[in-house]
Amino acid sequence: MSETNTAKIYDLEERTLACAKRLITFTNSLKKTLPNIEVIKQVVRSGGSVGANYIEANEALSKKDFSMRIKICKKEAKESIYWLKLFEIEENGLESKRQLLINEFTELMKIFGAIVEKTK
């Protein structure tokens, strides 16, 4: 693997990790209503799974395994968007943070979709 490819992998690993950390910070600032608590559990799982599966993809044993893991990354990013849209939010500042997270997961979803297409 060339130095450029290594940097790209590293950047996406770091990006997914940073996104998961921002997601956790965001969920910690939400009002702890019963619905929000349940959605927090789901979104933290799916949001963290994006990066975890990307790391697994980079350690894939075959092209098929790599492709499957990347598809899971895309699926988990899409699921995270769904959960983010379900939160009850009362503060405008939190709404803008939610939208930034939705935008980031949307970009990640598109990136993983493009990777899937290139690996066909």
PDB file of N, CA and C in Angstrom:
ATOM      1  N   MET A   1       0.845  -1.181   0.000  1.00  0.00           N
ATOM      2  CA  MET A   1       0.000   0.000   0.000  1.00  0.00           C
ATOM      3  C   MET A   1       0.889   1.243   0.000  1.00  0.00           C
ATOM      4  N   SER A   2       0.544   2.213  -0.843  1.00  0.00           N
ATOM      5  CA  SER A   2       1.370   3.419  -0.938  1.00  0.00           C
ATOM      6  C   SER A   2       1.117   4.326   0.259  1.00  0.00           C
ATOM      7  N   GLU A   3       1.989   5.298   0.425  1.00  0.00           N
ATOM      8  CA  GLU A   3       1.856   6.247   1.524  1.00  0.00           C
ATOM      9  C   GLU A   3       0.557   7.035   1.403  1.00  0.00           C
ATOM     10  N   THR A   4       0.148   7.381   0.189  1.00  0.00           N
ATOM     11  CA  THR A   4      -1.091   8.121  -0.039  1.00  0.00           C
ATOM     12  C   THR A   4      -2.295   7.297   0.405  1.00  0.00           C
ATOM     13  N   ASN A   5      -2.331   6.017   0.035  1.00  0.00           N
ATOM     14  CA  ASN A   5      -3.434   5.154   0.443  1.00  0.00           C
ATOM     15  C   ASN A   5      -3.481   5.000   1.957  1.00  0.00           C
ATOM     16  N   THR A   6      -2.329   4.864   2.589  1.00  0.00           N
ATOM     17  CA  THR A   6      -2.275   4.749   4.039  1.00  0.00           C
ATOM     18  C   THR A   6      -2.842   6.001   4.690  1.00  0.00           C
ATOM     19  N   ALA A   7      -2.499   7.162   4.167  1.00  0.00           N
ATOM     20  CA  ALA A   7      -3.008   8.413   4.722  1.00  0.00           C
ATOM     21  C   ALA A   7      -4.522   8.498   4.578  1.00  0.00           C
ATOM     22  N   LYS A   8      -5.052   8.047   3.445  1.00  0.00           N
ATOM     23  CA  LYS A   8      -6.504   8.085   3.239  1.00  0.00           C
ATOM     24  C   LYS A   8      -7.217   7.173   4.229  1.00  0.00           C
ATOM     25  N   ILE A   9      -6.693   5.980   4.440  1.00  0.00           N
ATOM     26  CA  ILE A   9      -7.290   5.065   5.399  1.00  0.00           C
ATOM     27  C   ILE A   9      -7.255   5.682   6.794  1.00  0.00           C
ATOM     28  N   TYR A  10      -6.118   6.183   7.163  1.00  0.00           N
ATOM     29  CA  TYR A  10      -5.948   6.796   8.474  1.00  0.00           C
ATOM     30  C   TYR A  10      -6.929   7.950   8.640  1.00  0.00           C
ATOM     31  N   ASP A  11      -7.055   8.793   7.622  1.00  0.00           N
ATOM     32  CA  ASP A  11      -7.952   9.939   7.711  1.00  0.00           C
ATOM     33  C   ASP A  11      -9.398   9.502   7.924  1.00  0.00           C
ATOM     34  N   LEU A  12      -9.850   8.478   7.241  1.00  0.00           N
ATOM     35  CA  LEU A  12     -11.222   8.019   7.387  1.00  0.00           C
ATOM     36  C   LEU A  12     -11.425   7.338   8.737  1.00  0.00           C
ATOM     37  N   GLU A  13     -10.431   6.632   9.226  1.00  0.00           N
ATOM     38  CA  GLU A  13     -10.523   6.060  10.576  1.00  0.00           C
ATOM     39  C   GLU A  13     -10.645   7.183  11.606  1.00  0.00           C
ATOM     40  N   GLU A  14      -9.822   8.199  11.452  1.00  0.00           N
ATOM     41  CA  GLU A  14      -9.865   9.336  12.377  1.00  0.00           C
ATOM     42  C   GLU A  14     -11.192  10.097  12.259  1.00  0.00           C
ATOM     43  N   ARG A  15     -11.670  10.245  11.036  1.00  0.00           N
ATOM     44  CA  ARG A  15     -12.919  10.974  10.805  1.00  0.00           C
ATOM     45  C   ARG A  15     -14.101  10.253  11.449  1.00  0.00           C
ATOM     46  N   THR A  16     -14.157   8.935  11.308  1.00  0.00           N
ATOM     47  CA  THR A  16     -15.264   8.195  11.911  1.00  0.00           C
ATOM     48  C   THR A  16     -15.168   8.213  13.436  1.00  0.00           C
ATOM     49  N   LEU A  17     -13.949   8.164  13.960  1.00  0.00           N
ATOM     50  CA  LEU A  17     -13.756   8.244  15.409  1.00  0.00           C
ATOM     51  C   LEU A  17     -14.191   9.618  15.930  1.00  0.00           C
ATOM     52  N   ALA A  18     -13.770  10.671  15.255  1.00  0.00           N
ATOM     53  CA  ALA A  18     -14.142  12.032  15.668  1.00  0.00           C
ATOM     54  C   ALA A  18     -15.656  12.221  15.602  1.00  0.00           C
ATOM     55  N   CYS A  19     -16.271  11.657  14.589  1.00  0.00           N
ATOM     56  CA  CYS A  19     -17.729  11.757  14.452  1.00  0.00           C
ATOM     57  C   CYS A  19     -18.426  11.048  15.615  1.00  0.00           C
ATOM     58  N   ALA A  20     -17.959   9.864  15.966  1.00  0.00           N
ATOM     59  CA  ALA A  20     -18.548   9.120  17.089  1.00  0.00           C
ATOM     60  C   ALA A  20     -18.381   9.891  18.402  1.00  0.00           C
ATOM     61  N   LYS A  21     -17.224  10.524  18.583  1.00  0.00           N
ATOM     62  CA  LYS A  21     -17.002  11.326  19.800  1.00  0.00           C
ATOM     63  C   LYS A  21     -17.934  12.531  19.846  1.00  0.00           C
ATOM     64  N   ARG A  22     -18.118  13.209  18.697  1.00  0.00           N
ATOM     65  CA  ARG A  22     -19.055  14.345  18.652  1.00  0.00           C
ATOM     66  C   ARG A  22     -20.477  13.879  18.935  1.00  0.00           C
ATOM     67  N   LEU A  23     -20.814  12.704  18.446  1.00  0.00           N
ATOM     68  CA  LEU A  23     -22.136  12.133  18.681  1.00  0.00           C
ATOM     69  C   LEU A  23     -22.356  11.892  20.175  1.00  0.00           C
ATOM     70  N   ILE A  24     -21.370  11.334  20.850  1.00  0.00           N
ATOM     71  CA  ILE A  24     -21.482  11.087  22.292  1.00  0.00           C
ATOM     72  C   ILE A  24     -21.618  12.400  23.055  1.00  0.00           C
ATOM     73  N   THR A  25     -20.824  13.390  22.695  1.00  0.00           N
ATOM     74  CA  THR A  25     -20.930  14.708  23.336  1.00  0.00           C
ATOM     75  C   THR A  25     -22.322  15.289  23.133  1.00  0.00           C
ATOM     76  N   PHE A  26     -22.833  15.171  21.920  1.00  0.00           N
ATOM     77  CA  PHE A  26     -24.177  15.665  21.604  1.00  0.00           C
ATOM     78  C   PHE A  26     -25.230  14.956  22.464  1.00  0.00           C
ATOM     79  N   THR A  27     -25.162  13.632  22.523  1.00  0.00           N
ATOM     80  CA  THR A  27     -26.184  12.890  23.277  1.00  0.00           C
ATOM     81  C   THR A  27     -26.110  13.196  24.770  1.00  0.00           C
ATOM     82  N   ASN A  28     -24.910  13.483  25.271  1.00  0.00           N
ATOM     83  CA  ASN A  28     -24.773  13.842  26.688  1.00  0.00           C
ATOM     84  C   ASN A  28     -25.439  15.169  27.015  1.00  0.00           C
ATOM     85  N   SER A  29     -25.641  16.013  26.017  1.00  0.00           N
ATOM     86  CA  SER A  29     -26.238  17.330  26.267  1.00  0.00           C
ATOM     87  C   SER A  29     -27.759  17.336  26.090  1.00  0.00           C
ATOM     88  N   LEU A  30     -28.327  16.212  25.679  1.00  0.00           N
ATOM     89  CA  LEU A  30     -29.772  16.146  25.464  1.00  0.00           C
ATOM     90  C   LEU A  30     -30.535  16.000  26.767  1.00  0.00           C
ATOM     91  N   LYS A  31     -31.763  16.474  26.758  1.00  0.00           N
ATOM     92  CA  LYS A  31     -32.665  16.281  27.883  1.00  0.00           C
ATOM     93  C   LYS A  31     -32.960  14.784  27.994  1.00  0.00           C
ATOM     94  N   LYS A  32     -32.871  14.247  29.198  1.00  0.00           N
ATOM     95  CA  LYS A  32     -33.003  12.807  29.397  1.00  0.00           C
ATOM     96  C   LYS A  32     -34.472  12.391  29.593  1.00  0.00           C
ATOM     97  N   THR A  33     -35.244  12.548  28.515  1.00  0.00           N
ATOM     98  CA  THR A  33     -36.614  12.032  28.514  1.00  0.00           C
ATOM     99  C   THR A  33     -36.550  10.540  28.201  1.00  0.00           C
ATOM    100  N   LEU A  34     -37.606   9.810  28.500  1.00  0.00           N
ATOM    101  CA  LEU A  34     -37.614   8.375  28.215  1.00  0.00           C
ATOM    102  C   LEU A  34     -37.359   8.089  26.735  1.00  0.00           C
ATOM    103  N   PRO A  35     -38.049   8.776  25.797  1.00  0.00           N
ATOM    104  CA  PRO A  35     -37.754   8.517  24.384  1.00  0.00           C
ATOM    105  C   PRO A  35     -36.298   8.833  24.017  1.00  0.00           C
ATOM    106  N   ASN A  36     -35.789   9.956  24.509  1.00  0.00           N
ATOM    107  CA  ASN A  36     -34.407  10.318  24.184  1.00  0.00           C
ATOM    108  C   ASN A  36     -33.413   9.287  24.711  1.00  0.00           C
ATOM    109  N   ILE A  37     -33.658   8.764  25.902  1.00  0.00           N
ATOM    110  CA  ILE A  37     -32.750   7.765  26.473  1.00  0.00           C
ATOM    111  C   ILE A  37     -32.681   6.531  25.582  1.00  0.00           C
ATOM    112  N   GLU A  38     -33.825   6.090  25.101  1.00  0.00           N
ATOM    113  CA  GLU A  38     -33.855   4.905  24.237  1.00  0.00           C
ATOM    114  C   GLU A  38     -33.183   5.181  22.894  1.00  0.00           C
ATOM    115  N   VAL A  39     -33.409   6.355  22.343  1.00  0.00           N
ATOM    116  CA  VAL A  39     -32.798   6.701  21.054  1.00  0.00           C
ATOM    117  C   VAL A  39     -31.283   6.893  21.216  1.00  0.00           C
ATOM    118  N   ILE A  40     -30.862   7.454  22.343  1.00  0.00           N
ATOM    119  CA  ILE A  40     -29.428   7.627  22.614  1.00  0.00           C
ATOM    120  C   ILE A  40     -28.722   6.277  22.545  1.00  0.00           C
ATOM    121  N   LYS A  41     -29.315   5.264  23.176  1.00  0.00           N
ATOM    122  CA  LYS A  41     -28.702   3.927  23.153  1.00  0.00           C
ATOM    123  C   LYS A  41     -28.507   3.439  21.718  1.00  0.00           C
ATOM    124  N   GLN A  42     -29.512   3.642  20.898  1.00  0.00           N
ATOM    125  CA  GLN A  42     -29.449   3.168  19.517  1.00  0.00           C
ATOM    126  C   GLN A  42     -28.435   3.944  18.687  1.00  0.00           C
ATOM    127  N   VAL A  43     -28.457   5.262  18.790  1.00  0.00           N
ATOM    128  CA  VAL A  43     -27.594   6.083  17.934  1.00  0.00           C
ATOM    129  C   VAL A  43     -26.124   5.947  18.327  1.00  0.00           C
ATOM    130  N   VAL A  44     -25.856   5.768  19.607  1.00  0.00           N
ATOM    131  CA  VAL A  44     -24.467   5.585  20.020  1.00  0.00           C
ATOM    132  C   VAL A  44     -23.943   4.254  19.473  1.00  0.00           C
ATOM    133  N   ARG A  45     -24.780   3.229  19.471  1.00  0.00           N
ATOM    134  CA  ARG A  45     -24.366   1.937  18.905  1.00  0.00           C
ATOM    135  C   ARG A  45     -24.101   2.051  17.405  1.00  0.00           C
ATOM    136  N   SER A  46     -25.068   2.610  16.676  1.00  0.00           N
ATOM    137  CA  SER A  46     -24.900   2.685  15.217  1.00  0.00           C
ATOM    138  C   SER A  46     -23.793   3.654  14.829  1.00  0.00           C
ATOM    139  N   GLY A  47     -23.710   4.780  15.513  1.00  0.00           N
ATOM    140  CA  GLY A  47     -22.680   5.771  15.192  1.00  0.00           C
ATOM    141  C   GLY A  47     -21.277   5.270  15.464  1.00  0.00           C
ATOM    142  N   GLY A  48     -21.101   4.534  16.548  1.00  0.00           N
ATOM    143  CA  GLY A  48     -19.797   3.959  16.858  1.00  0.00           C
ATOM    144  C   GLY A  48     -19.446   2.793  15.951  1.00  0.00           C
ATOM    145  N   SER A  49     -20.475   2.108  15.490  1.00  0.00           N
ATOM    146  CA  SER A  49     -20.272   0.948  14.622  1.00  0.00           C
ATOM    147  C   SER A  49     -19.702   1.325  13.263  1.00  0.00           C
ATOM    148  N   VAL A  50     -19.942   2.537  12.813  1.00  0.00           N
ATOM    149  CA  VAL A  50     -19.418   2.975  11.515  1.00  0.00           C
ATOM    150  C   VAL A  50     -17.894   2.847  11.506  1.00  0.00           C
ATOM    151  N   GLY A  51     -17.253   3.456  12.474  1.00  0.00           N
ATOM    152  CA  GLY A  51     -15.793   3.413  12.537  1.00  0.00           C
ATOM    153  C   GLY A  51     -15.252   2.038  12.867  1.00  0.00           C
ATOM    154  N   ALA A  52     -15.926   1.326  13.762  1.00  0.00           N
ATOM    155  CA  ALA A  52     -15.474  -0.017  14.139  1.00  0.00           C
ATOM    156  C   ALA A  52     -15.492  -0.946  12.923  1.00  0.00           C
ATOM    157  N   ASN A  53     -16.536  -0.858  12.123  1.00  0.00           N
ATOM    158  CA  ASN A  53     -16.609  -1.692  10.935  1.00  0.00           C
ATOM    159  C   ASN A  53     -15.618  -1.255   9.865  1.00  0.00           C
ATOM    160  N   TYR A  54     -15.307   0.026   9.821  1.00  0.00           N
ATOM    161  CA  TYR A  54     -14.299   0.488   8.871  1.00  0.00           C
ATOM    162  C   TYR A  54     -12.926  -0.088   9.240  1.00  0.00           C
ATOM    163  N   ILE A  55     -12.613  -0.108  10.522  1.00  0.00           N
ATOM    164  CA  ILE A  55     -11.359  -0.714  10.972  1.00  0.00           C
ATOM    165  C   ILE A  55     -11.343  -2.194  10.596  1.00  0.00           C
ATOM    166  N   GLU A  56     -12.466  -2.878  10.801  1.00  0.00           N
ATOM    167  CA  GLU A  56     -12.568  -4.292  10.418  1.00  0.00           C
ATOM    168  C   GLU A  56     -12.380  -4.462   8.904  1.00  0.00           C
ATOM    169  N   ALA A  57     -12.935  -3.541   8.123  1.00  0.00           N
ATOM    170  CA  ALA A  57     -12.785  -3.620   6.663  1.00  0.00           C
ATOM    171  C   ALA A  57     -11.314  -3.530   6.268  1.00  0.00           C
ATOM    172  N   ASN A  58     -10.574  -2.690   6.947  1.00  0.00           N
ATOM    173  CA  ASN A  58      -9.155  -2.542   6.631  1.00  0.00           C
ATOM    174  C   ASN A  58      -8.341  -3.780   6.995  1.00  0.00           C
ATOM    175  N   GLU A  59      -8.908  -4.642   7.811  1.00  0.00           N
ATOM    176  CA  GLU A  59      -8.248  -5.895   8.188  1.00  0.00           C
ATOM    177  C   GLU A  59      -8.910  -7.090   7.498  1.00  0.00           C
ATOM    178  N   ALA A  60      -9.701  -6.824   6.482  1.00  0.00           N
ATOM    179  CA  ALA A  60     -10.470  -7.867   5.802  1.00  0.00           C
ATOM    180  C   ALA A  60      -9.568  -8.963   5.240  1.00  0.00           C
ATOM    181  N   LEU A  61     -10.108 -10.171   5.235  1.00  0.00           N
ATOM    182  CA  LEU A  61      -9.367 -11.332   4.743  1.00  0.00           C
ATOM    183  C   LEU A  61      -9.524 -11.528   3.242  1.00  0.00           C
ATOM    184  N   SER A  62     -10.540 -10.883   2.672  1.00  0.00           N
ATOM    185  CA  SER A  62     -10.783 -11.018   1.234  1.00  0.00           C
ATOM    186  C   SER A  62     -11.481  -9.771   0.723  1.00  0.00           C
ATOM    187  N   LYS A  63     -11.559  -9.667  -0.599  1.00  0.00           N
ATOM    188  CA  LYS A  63     -12.268  -8.550  -1.215  1.00  0.00           C
ATOM    189  C   LYS A  63     -13.754  -8.596  -0.840  1.00  0.00           C
ATOM    190  N   LYS A  64     -14.310  -9.800  -0.797  1.00  0.00           N
ATOM    191  CA  LYS A  64     -15.720  -9.974  -0.427  1.00  0.00           C
ATOM    192  C   LYS A  64     -15.956  -9.525   1.015  1.00  0.00           C
ATOM    193  N   ASP A  65     -15.060  -9.888   1.913  1.00  0.00           N
ATOM    194  CA  ASP A  65     -15.155  -9.476   3.315  1.00  0.00           C
ATOM    195  C   ASP A  65     -15.050  -7.955   3.429  1.00  0.00           C
ATOM    196  N   PHE A  66     -14.096  -7.365   2.700  1.00  0.00           N
ATOM    197  CA  PHE A  66     -13.931  -5.913   2.699  1.00  0.00           C
ATOM    198  C   PHE A  66     -15.223  -5.235   2.243  1.00  0.00           C
ATOM    199  N   SER A  67     -15.772  -5.704   1.135  1.00  0.00           N
ATOM    200  CA  SER A  67     -16.984  -5.122   0.580  1.00  0.00           C
ATOM    201  C   SER A  67     -18.150  -5.220   1.559  1.00  0.00           C
ATOM    202  N   MET A  68     -18.289  -6.372   2.215  1.00  0.00           N
ATOM    203  CA  MET A  68     -19.366  -6.552   3.185  1.00  0.00           C
ATOM    204  C   MET A  68     -19.228  -5.565   4.345  1.00  0.00           C
ATOM    205  N   ARG A  69     -18.014  -5.408   4.860  1.00  0.00           N
ATOM    206  CA  ARG A  69     -17.789  -4.482   5.988  1.00  0.00           C
ATOM    207  C   ARG A  69     -18.083  -3.035   5.591  1.00  0.00           C
ATOM    208  N   ILE A  70     -17.693  -2.661   4.391  1.00  0.00           N
ATOM    209  CA  ILE A  70     -17.958  -1.298   3.921  1.00  0.00           C
ATOM    210  C   ILE A  70     -19.467  -1.084   3.763  1.00  0.00           C
ATOM    211  N   LYS A  71     -20.170  -2.096   3.287  1.00  0.00           N
ATOM    212  CA  LYS A  71     -21.629  -2.000   3.183  1.00  0.00           C
ATOM    213  C   LYS A  71     -22.258  -1.823   4.566  1.00  0.00           C
ATOM    214  N   ILE A  72     -21.696  -2.501   5.564  1.00  0.00           N
ATOM    215  CA  ILE A  72     -22.186  -2.338   6.934  1.00  0.00           C
ATOM    216  C   ILE A  72     -21.915  -0.913   7.419  1.00  0.00           C
ATOM    217  N   CYS A  73     -20.752  -0.362   7.094  1.00  0.00           N
ATOM    218  CA  CYS A  73     -20.443   1.035   7.458  1.00  0.00           C
ATOM    219  C   CYS A  73     -21.510   1.972   6.897  1.00  0.00           C
ATOM    220  N   LYS A  74     -21.835   1.775   5.631  1.00  0.00           N
ATOM    221  CA  LYS A  74     -22.844   2.611   4.978  1.00  0.00           C
ATOM    222  C   LYS A  74     -24.205   2.450   5.664  1.00  0.00           C
ATOM    223  N   LYS A  75     -24.570   1.213   5.953  1.00  0.00           N
ATOM    224  CA  LYS A  75     -25.856   0.921   6.599  1.00  0.00           C
ATOM    225  C   LYS A  75     -25.927   1.566   7.984  1.00  0.00           C
ATOM    226  N   GLU A  76     -24.850   1.469   8.749  1.00  0.00           N
ATOM    227  CA  GLU A  76     -24.818   2.031  10.099  1.00  0.00           C
ATOM    228  C   GLU A  76     -24.865   3.561  10.061  1.00  0.00           C
ATOM    229  N   ALA A  77     -24.216   4.171   9.077  1.00  0.00           N
ATOM    230  CA  ALA A  77     -24.282   5.630   8.928  1.00  0.00           C
ATOM    231  C   ALA A  77     -25.713   6.068   8.621  1.00  0.00           C
ATOM    232  N   LYS A  78     -26.372   5.318   7.735  1.00  0.00           N
ATOM    233  CA  LYS A  78     -27.756   5.634   7.386  1.00  0.00           C
ATOM    234  C   LYS A  78     -28.667   5.463   8.594  1.00  0.00           C
ATOM    235  N   GLU A  79     -28.437   4.416   9.369  1.00  0.00           N
ATOM    236  CA  GLU A  79     -29.236   4.185  10.576  1.00  0.00           C
ATOM    237  C   GLU A  79     -29.024   5.308  11.587  1.00  0.00           C
ATOM    238  N   SER A  80     -27.794   5.785  11.704  1.00  0.00           N
ATOM    239  CA  SER A  80     -27.493   6.879  12.637  1.00  0.00           C
ATOM    240  C   SER A  80     -28.282   8.133  12.285  1.00  0.00           C
ATOM    241  N   ILE A  81     -28.411   8.407  10.999  1.00  0.00           N
ATOM    242  CA  ILE A  81     -29.210   9.561  10.552  1.00  0.00           C
ATOM    243  C   ILE A  81     -30.650   9.405  11.011  1.00  0.00           C
ATOM    244  N   TYR A  82     -31.184   8.212  10.839  1.00  0.00           N
ATOM    245  CA  TYR A  82     -32.565   7.933  11.263  1.00  0.00           C
ATOM    246  C   TYR A  82     -32.747   8.232  12.748  1.00  0.00           C
ATOM    247  N   TRP A  83     -31.857   7.681  13.586  1.00  0.00           N
ATOM    248  CA  TRP A  83     -31.981   7.883  15.025  1.00  0.00           C
ATOM    249  C   TRP A  83     -31.815   9.358  15.394  1.00  0.00           C
ATOM    250  N   LEU A  84     -30.885  10.045  14.752  1.00  0.00           N
ATOM    251  CA  LEU A  84     -30.692  11.466  15.043  1.00  0.00           C
ATOM    252  C   LEU A  84     -31.966  12.275  14.788  1.00  0.00           C
ATOM    253  N   LYS A  85     -32.716  11.895  13.766  1.00  0.00           N
ATOM    254  CA  LYS A  85     -33.952  12.617  13.433  1.00  0.00           C
ATOM    255  C   LYS A  85     -35.063  12.384  14.453  1.00  0.00           C
ATOM    256  N   LEU A  86     -34.931  11.358  15.287  1.00  0.00           N
ATOM    257  CA  LEU A  86     -35.977  11.039  16.261  1.00  0.00           C
ATOM    258  C   LEU A  86     -35.874  11.793  17.583  1.00  0.00           C
ATOM    259  N   PHE A  87     -34.750  12.423  17.846  1.00  0.00           N
ATOM    260  CA  PHE A  87     -34.583  13.097  19.131  1.00  0.00           C
ATOM    261  C   PHE A  87     -35.571  14.227  19.337  1.00  0.00           C
ATOM    262  N   GLU A  88     -36.016  14.369  20.577  1.00  0.00           N
ATOM    263  CA  GLU A  88     -36.812  15.526  20.989  1.00  0.00           C
ATOM    264  C   GLU A  88     -35.811  16.603  21.384  1.00  0.00           C
ATOM    265  N   ILE A  89     -35.811  17.710  20.632  1.00  0.00           N
ATOM    266  CA  ILE A  89     -34.845  18.780  20.902  1.00  0.00           C
ATOM    267  C   ILE A  89     -35.598  20.082  21.119  1.00  0.00           C
ATOM    268  N   GLU A  90     -35.248  20.751  22.208  1.00  0.00           N
ATOM    269  CA  GLU A  90     -35.924  21.994  22.554  1.00  0.00           C
ATOM    270  C   GLU A  90     -35.043  23.219  22.349  1.00  0.00           C
ATOM    271  N   GLU A  91     -33.726  23.043  22.330  1.00  0.00           N
ATOM    272  CA  GLU A  91     -32.812  24.178  22.204  1.00  0.00           C
ATOM    273  C   GLU A  91     -32.313  24.326  20.768  1.00  0.00           C
ATOM    274  N   ASN A  92     -32.254  25.564  20.284  1.00  0.00           N
ATOM    275  CA  ASN A  92     -31.777  25.819  18.924  1.00  0.00           C
ATOM    276  C   ASN A  92     -30.325  25.410  18.729  1.00  0.00           C
ATOM    277  N   GLY A  93     -29.481  25.613  19.725  1.00  0.00           N
ATOM    278  CA  GLY A  93     -28.071  25.249  19.612  1.00  0.00           C
ATOM    279  C   GLY A  93     -27.897  23.759  19.395  1.00  0.00           C
ATOM    280  N   LEU A  94     -28.738  22.979  20.053  1.00  0.00           N
ATOM    281  CA  LEU A  94     -28.668  21.528  19.878  1.00  0.00           C
ATOM    282  C   LEU A  94     -29.189  21.114  18.510  1.00  0.00           C
ATOM    283  N   GLU A  95     -30.150  21.847  18.001  1.00  0.00           N
ATOM    284  CA  GLU A  95     -30.677  21.527  16.667  1.00  0.00           C
ATOM    285  C   GLU A  95     -29.593  21.696  15.606  1.00  0.00           C
ATOM    286  N   SER A  96     -28.798  22.749  15.727  1.00  0.00           N
ATOM    287  CA  SER A  96     -27.733  22.952  14.739  1.00  0.00           C
ATOM    288  C   SER A  96     -26.658  21.873  14.878  1.00  0.00           C
ATOM    289  N   LYS A  97     -26.378  21.422  16.101  1.00  0.00           N
ATOM    290  CA  LYS A  97     -25.409  20.337  16.303  1.00  0.00           C
ATOM    291  C   LYS A  97     -25.941  19.028  15.729  1.00  0.00           C
ATOM    292  N   ARG A  98     -27.246  18.809  15.894  1.00  0.00           N
ATOM    293  CA  ARG A  98     -27.846  17.608  15.307  1.00  0.00           C
ATOM    294  C   ARG A  98     -27.693  17.646  13.793  1.00  0.00           C
ATOM    295  N   GLN A  99     -27.963  18.792  13.195  1.00  0.00           N
ATOM    296  CA  GLN A  99     -27.879  18.897  11.741  1.00  0.00           C
ATOM    297  C   GLN A  99     -26.458  18.680  11.243  1.00  0.00           C
ATOM    298  N   LEU A 100     -25.475  19.164  11.984  1.00  0.00           N
ATOM    299  CA  LEU A 100     -24.071  18.925  11.612  1.00  0.00           C
ATOM    300  C   LEU A 100     -23.749  17.429  11.644  1.00  0.00           C
ATOM    301  N   LEU A 101     -24.263  16.733  12.654  1.00  0.00           N
ATOM    302  CA  LEU A 101     -24.048  15.283  12.733  1.00  0.00           C
ATOM    303  C   LEU A 101     -24.755  14.557  11.588  1.00  0.00           C
ATOM    304  N   ILE A 102     -25.967  14.969  11.293  1.00  0.00           N
ATOM    305  CA  ILE A 102     -26.693  14.367  10.164  1.00  0.00           C
ATOM    306  C   ILE A 102     -25.909  14.575   8.878  1.00  0.00           C
ATOM    307  N   ASN A 103     -25.382  15.782   8.690  1.00  0.00           N
ATOM    308  CA  ASN A 103     -24.583  16.074   7.492  1.00  0.00           C
ATOM    309  C   ASN A 103     -23.334  15.207   7.424  1.00  0.00           C
ATOM    310  N   GLU A 104     -22.660  15.030   8.564  1.00  0.00           N
ATOM    311  CA  GLU A 104     -21.441  14.215   8.586  1.00  0.00           C
ATOM    312  C   GLU A 104     -21.758  12.753   8.283  1.00  0.00           C
ATOM    313  N   PHE A 105     -22.799  12.212   8.892  1.00  0.00           N
ATOM    314  CA  PHE A 105     -23.156  10.820   8.613  1.00  0.00           C
ATOM    315  C   PHE A 105     -23.620  10.651   7.162  1.00  0.00           C
ATOM    316  N   THR A 106     -24.256  11.677   6.609  1.00  0.00           N
ATOM    317  CA  THR A 106     -24.651  11.627   5.194  1.00  0.00           C
ATOM    318  C   THR A 106     -23.420  11.574   4.296  1.00  0.00           C
ATOM    319  N   GLU A 107     -22.419  12.400   4.604  1.00  0.00           N
ATOM    320  CA  GLU A 107     -21.180  12.382   3.827  1.00  0.00           C
ATOM    321  C   GLU A 107     -20.480  11.030   3.946  1.00  0.00           C
ATOM    322  N   LEU A 108     -20.419  10.487   5.160  1.00  0.00           N
ATOM    323  CA  LEU A 108     -19.797   9.182   5.359  1.00  0.00           C
ATOM    324  C   LEU A 108     -20.543   8.102   4.580  1.00  0.00           C
ATOM    325  N   MET A 109     -21.859   8.173   4.592  1.00  0.00           N
ATOM    326  CA  MET A 109     -22.673   7.215   3.847  1.00  0.00           C
ATOM    327  C   MET A 109     -22.329   7.268   2.356  1.00  0.00           C
ATOM    328  N   LYS A 110     -22.177   8.466   1.826  1.00  0.00           N
ATOM    329  CA  LYS A 110     -21.827   8.628   0.411  1.00  0.00           C
ATOM    330  C   LYS A 110     -20.415   8.119   0.128  1.00  0.00           C
ATOM    331  N   ILE A 111     -19.497   8.382   1.028  1.00  0.00           N
ATOM    332  CA  ILE A 111     -18.121   7.901   0.858  1.00  0.00           C
ATOM    333  C   ILE A 111     -18.112   6.376   0.816  1.00  0.00           C
ATOM    334  N   PHE A 112     -18.791   5.750   1.764  1.00  0.00           N
ATOM    335  CA  PHE A 112     -18.814   4.288   1.795  1.00  0.00           C
ATOM    336  C   PHE A 112     -19.552   3.720   0.593  1.00  0.00           C
ATOM    337  N   GLY A 113     -20.578   4.412   0.121  1.00  0.00           N
ATOM    338  CA  GLY A 113     -21.270   3.987  -1.099  1.00  0.00           C
ATOM    339  C   GLY A 113     -20.343   4.022  -2.297  1.00  0.00           C
ATOM    340  N   ALA A 114     -19.515   5.064  -2.376  1.00  0.00           N
ATOM    341  CA  ALA A 114     -18.561   5.174  -3.488  1.00  0.00           C
ATOM    342  C   ALA A 114     -17.501   4.073  -3.403  1.00  0.00           C
ATOM    343  N   ILE A 115     -17.076   3.745  -2.192  1.00  0.00           N
ATOM    344  CA  ILE A 115     -16.087   2.670  -2.012  1.00  0.00           C
ATOM    345  C   ILE A 115     -16.687   1.349  -2.475  1.00  0.00           C
ATOM    346  N   VAL A 116     -17.943   1.102  -2.115  1.00  0.00           N
ATOM    347  CA  VAL A 116     -18.617  -0.130  -2.535  1.00  0.00           C
ATOM    348  C   VAL A 116     -18.653  -0.216  -4.060  1.00  0.00           C
ATOM    349  N   GLU A 117     -19.002   0.878  -4.704  1.00  0.00           N
ATOM    350  CA  GLU A 117     -19.080   0.887  -6.178  1.00  0.00           C
ATOM    351  C   GLU A 117     -17.700   0.609  -6.807  1.00  0.00           C
ATOM    352  N   LYS A 118     -16.664   1.157  -6.228  1.00  0.00           N
ATOM    353  CA  LYS A 118     -15.320   0.972  -6.783  1.00  0.00           C
ATOM    354  C   LYS A 118     -14.781  -0.445  -6.570  1.00  0.00           C
ATOM    355  N   THR A 119     -15.305  -1.136  -5.565  1.00  0.00           N
ATOM    356  CA  THR A 119     -14.814  -2.485  -5.284  1.00  0.00           C
ATOM    357  C   THR A 119     -15.566  -3.558  -6.070  1.00  0.00           C
ATOM    358  N   LYS A 120     -16.568  -3.162  -6.835  1.00  0.00           N
ATOM    359  CA  LYS A 120     -17.335  -4.148  -7.630  1.00  0.00           C
ATOM    360  C   LYS A 120     -16.517  -4.664  -8.779  1.00  0.00           C
TER     361      LYS A 120
END
